[in-house]
Amino acid sequence: MVEFILEYKWAFFIIGEILFWMSITGFLLLRYLIGLDKLSKYFIFIWLFSDAWLLFIGILDYTHTGKFDTFQLIIIVFLIYALTFGKNDFKKLDRFIKRNVRKWKGEEPEAEERDEKLYGMSYFIKELKGLAIHLVVYTVVLIILAFLLDLRDYEHIVISGDFNKTVENIIEKGFFTNPAVGKATGIWTLVLLIDTIITFSYLVFPKKERAK
């Protein structure tokens, strides 16, 4: 059975993701379009099962092969997203569906729907909190990977006297000797830099409410 799962691990990974998106779709459909609020909550268990399944096959693959590879890295990325930014994105999607379904039905927006939009410094602080979470997750994952994998030598990461080339080197090759993990951490570093720039742009150019 274990050999069968590992042989078709990518297929089982895809099945887990299908279950994940089906659970979200089913939750939103039952909750807002059909109005079965209590029944919709059972889809959360399917959501949790899909995450547990990904964790299971990732651990199974690692214990069987004894090495950290691209498959396990992708699972870690998906689980980190689901446990951090995924929750926030799901809340945004939930509010978006709720707001538009109420509008479609001709109902007035609820109080929290009217108050959910932020502008100026309030919006910047909200984005800054998101960036802080991103930074913490990034740091924790790199520390965990540092215990599991070999780091590249310092002189191979930092190009002496050339900041731009150092940044390019980190983005291209990351921090680890494992090529797949190094590339993934390099891309993640780039995403973090972009996230930082976008976040602080709201301090220089505050978000303003659209004129009605």
Foldseek 3Di string as FASTA:
>chain_A
DLVVCLVCVVVLLVVLVVLQVVLLVQLLCCVQVVNVNVVNVVSVVSNVVSLVSLVVNLVSNCVVVVADDPSNVVNVVVNVCCVAVVVVVSVVVSLVSNVVSCVVVVHDDDPCNVVVDDWAPVVLVVLVVSLVSLVVSLVVVVVVVVVRFPWDDPCQQDPPPDPVVNLVSCLCQNTGPHRSVSNVNSVSVVVSVVSVVVSCVCNVVMGDDDDD
